[in-house]
Amino acid sequence: MKELKVKEILKICNAELLSGSEEEVLENFKKDTNEIQEGDTYIGIQGERVNRKYIF
């Protein structure tokens, strides 16, 4: 599987990194904030019942 780094997500989302490293490799993704564990990456999904921006 190809590595996915923070800088790639920033580019796709036209976003700005507020803290951390653009070179960090992302491995675990969650879309439910109730399931997040240390080291996970949360990506908010906009939908009918949800209206959040992308958060890392």
Protein backbone atom coordinates (compact mmCIF):
# COMPACT_ATOMS: atom_id res chain seq x y z
CA MET A 1 0.00 0.00 0.00
CA LYS A 2 1.25 3.48 -0.87
CA GLU A 3 2.23 5.74 2.02
CA LEU A 4 -0.08 8.70 2.56
CA LYS A 5 1.55 11.75 4.10
CA VAL A 6 -0.03 14.79 5.70
CA LYS A 7 1.30 17.01 2.90
CA GLU A 8 -0.71 15.02 0.32
CA ILE A 9 -3.97 15.55 2.23
CA LEU A 10 -3.16 19.25 2.63
CA LYS A 11 -2.70 19.58 -1.11
CA ILE A 12 -5.93 17.73 -1.96
CA CYS A 13 -7.96 19.79 0.52
CA ASN A 14 -6.17 23.08 -0.19
CA ALA A 15 -5.58 23.23 3.56
CA GLU A 16 -3.00 24.64 5.94
CA LEU A 17 -1.19 22.64 8.63
CA LEU A 18 -1.45 24.35 12.02
CA SER A 19 0.86 22.00 13.93
CA GLY A 20 2.82 18.82 13.37
CA SER A 21 4.83 17.64 10.40
CA GLU A 22 3.82 17.55 6.74
CA GLU A 23 6.03 14.46 6.39
CA GLU A 24 4.10 12.38 8.94
CA VAL A 25 2.71 9.16 7.44
CA LEU A 26 -1.01 8.63 8.05
CA GLU A 27 -2.10 5.07 8.74
CA ASN A 28 -5.42 4.81 10.59
CA PHE A 29 -8.48 6.83 9.58
CA LYS A 30 -11.74 7.35 11.46
CA LYS A 31 -14.90 9.19 10.45
CA ASP A 32 -16.60 8.80 13.85
CA THR A 33 -15.17 10.95 16.65
CA ASN A 34 -16.40 8.39 19.19
CA GLU A 35 -14.00 5.78 17.76
CA ILE A 36 -10.79 7.86 17.61
CA GLN A 37 -7.74 6.46 19.37
CA GLU A 38 -4.26 7.93 19.76
CA GLY A 39 -2.48 8.02 16.40
CA ASP A 40 -5.70 7.97 14.33
CA THR A 41 -6.55 10.56 11.69
CA TYR A 42 -10.05 12.03 11.75
CA ILE A 43 -11.58 13.20 8.51
CA GLY A 44 -14.98 14.86 8.79
CA ILE A 45 -17.40 14.06 5.98
CA GLN A 46 -19.96 16.66 4.93
CA GLY A 47 -23.41 15.19 4.43
CA GLU A 48 -27.10 15.63 5.16
CA ARG A 49 -26.70 15.14 8.92
CA VAL A 50 -23.10 16.29 9.19
CA ASN A 51 -21.54 19.63 8.26
CA ARG A 52 -17.88 19.62 9.30
CA LYS A 53 -14.65 20.58 7.64
CA TYR A 54 -11.65 18.27 7.37
CA ILE A 55 -9.78 17.98 10.66
CA PHE A 56 -6.47 16.26 11.28
